[in-house]
Amino acid sequence: MEDAESESIYMNIEDTEKSASQTKVNDGDYLNTSAQKPGSQAVSEGRQVHSGRPAAVCLGLLCVLLLAVIMGLSTKHNAEKEQLRNSYANMTMERDQLQNSYVNITKKKDQLWSTYNDLSKQRDQLQNRFDSISKERDQLLDTNNRLAIERSKLQTSYEVLSKERDALQRQLTEKACPAGWTKFMSSCYYVSFYERTWDQSRQDCRMKGADLVIINSREEQIFVSGLGKTLWIGLTDQAIEGHWKWVDGTSPGTGYWLPGEPNNAHYQGENCAEVVHRVGSSDTLSSWNDMLQDVTSSLCLKTTPRSASLYRERMAEEICDDESSFELGEMDREELTVVIYATADGVRAQDVSTKGETWMKQTDVNVKDENVERETLLSSIRKLTEEKDQLNKTLTKEILTMQTKYDDLLKQLEKLHLKGWRRFGSSYYYFSTEKSWSAARQDCIERGADLVIINSTEEQEFIKMANKNAWIGLTDAQTEGQWKWVDGSPLTAAFWRDGEPNEAQGGEDCSLFHPSSPTLQTWNDAPCSIESGWICESTLPPKGFSS
């Protein structure tokens, strides 16, 4: 019905358009034409004309409205299209930035892997160097031990030679002093029967192959003081007033002076020292006194006995060397008697000592040979000790250098840790959240590692310090009771808790780490399906390390 009406309307519009021109040309004609038609037909046509005009107006309004809607939609579409273009441009820029970031990250990753490979090579080189130095150290230690043994042998030989030398020296010193001499400890002492000045007394002692006594100990002071005579001793300050020196040039130290001495009391050159015999005094220590070049007895000291022939030779040398002091024409009877006494004493001593001269000469030769051998051994010991010290210094320097490089390498490797990873020894450990044993192991494998394998007490202590319940890579799922690590190696060092493993719940085929135990025994068997934390272990730094 609606379609028929529409067709009618369109037909009326067409008829109206066709007749519009005619109507505009001559309205009168149109009226006349209508007037000529029959009455019913004219009325019908008039209604059609009047009903077509509102429809045309509505259609025009609809077209205007449609055009407005189309224009609005077109404007909105253009705006959305512009937004899409801007979004596309932004996304393109972000894509390019991400692409650049990806390229940079890839380069950094490659650089890090290159750095890691270089560090690994350096580590291997350092390890090889360390092994080489360790071998050298072991060789040096072996050499040092051999040198120590040789040194010990040389020391033993030295001690034996020293004992033999001491025995020979004792044999020499224990030989009887010449006639008229008194032995005390290892020295011989001669008390002059005549009184002379200090210089004359010293000359007399030197003619006997000795010198005025030098007192070097408390015992020797007591012995000299106990001789019961006032005697010259070999102490003088003739060179520099107040600077007392023994005849051999050494200093006497504090000495054994009488109270208030030395005092140079007479201001006339009390430059010589004497041991004063004090009758009735029990003090045998403090007995020295400074004195003028007066006449008194002398005490000669001979540390090593010598034969009478040497006495005569020395006396002749002294007489020839100092004719001005010992011309016979100027010598008084007393001095001549001394010379005669010394000569007679030498003649008497000659017969006694002639037989011993050969033995003494041979002994001297033996002592010299032993001294040469001892010096050779000492030189060898010193040389070996120097070589050992040099080797130790070189070894210590090499070890320090290697340790420094190794520490630097470790510091560089420490910088490569990922979050969640920890380094201990030569391995890397990852501590994660809860999963089943199988899922935990799969996670470790995806990280380029595996569940931890505990091979030492130190590693067990390290993991215990994490204080975390965690799966470890130990299972008997393949054969009940035969526990093996995830790499297939058998269990050697175990840290089971008391009563574990016990298969208490059945199917307890996986090992769980319980740090709550007060000891290192922290392992427990548990069902593999329960969820717990886990620990991954890798011998190489995991992928993706960054500084």
Foldseek 3Di string as FASTA:
>chain_A
DVVVVVVLLVVLVVVCVVCVVVCVVDVPVVVVVLVVDDDVVSVVNVVSNVVNVVVVVVVVVVVVVVVVVVVVVVVVVVVVVVVVVVVVVVVVVVVVVVVVVVVVVVVQLVVVVVVQVVLVVVVVVLVVVVVVLVVVVVVLVVVVVVLVVVVVVLVVVLVVLVVVLVVLLCVQQVPDAFPQWDDDDSKTKHKDPWWFFQVVQQLLLQLQVWGFADDDDQVSLLVVLPPQFKAFGQWWCVPPPPQIAGPVGHGNPPAQAAVPPPDCVVVPGLTTKIFHHDPPDPDSRHGIYRGDRDITMTMTMGNGHDALVVSNVSNVVSCVVCVVVDPPVPDDPVVVVSVVVSNVSRVVRNVVCVVVVVVVVVSVVVSVVSVVVSVVSVVVSVVSVVVSVVSVVVSVVSVVVSVVVVVVSVVVVCQQADPQWDDDDLKIKGKFWKFFQVVQQVVLVVQVWGFADDDDPVVLVVVLVVQFKAFGQWWCVPPPPFIDGPVRHGDDDAQADPPPPDCVPPQQTTWIAHSPDPDSNGIYGGHRHGMGMTMTMDSRHTRPGDD
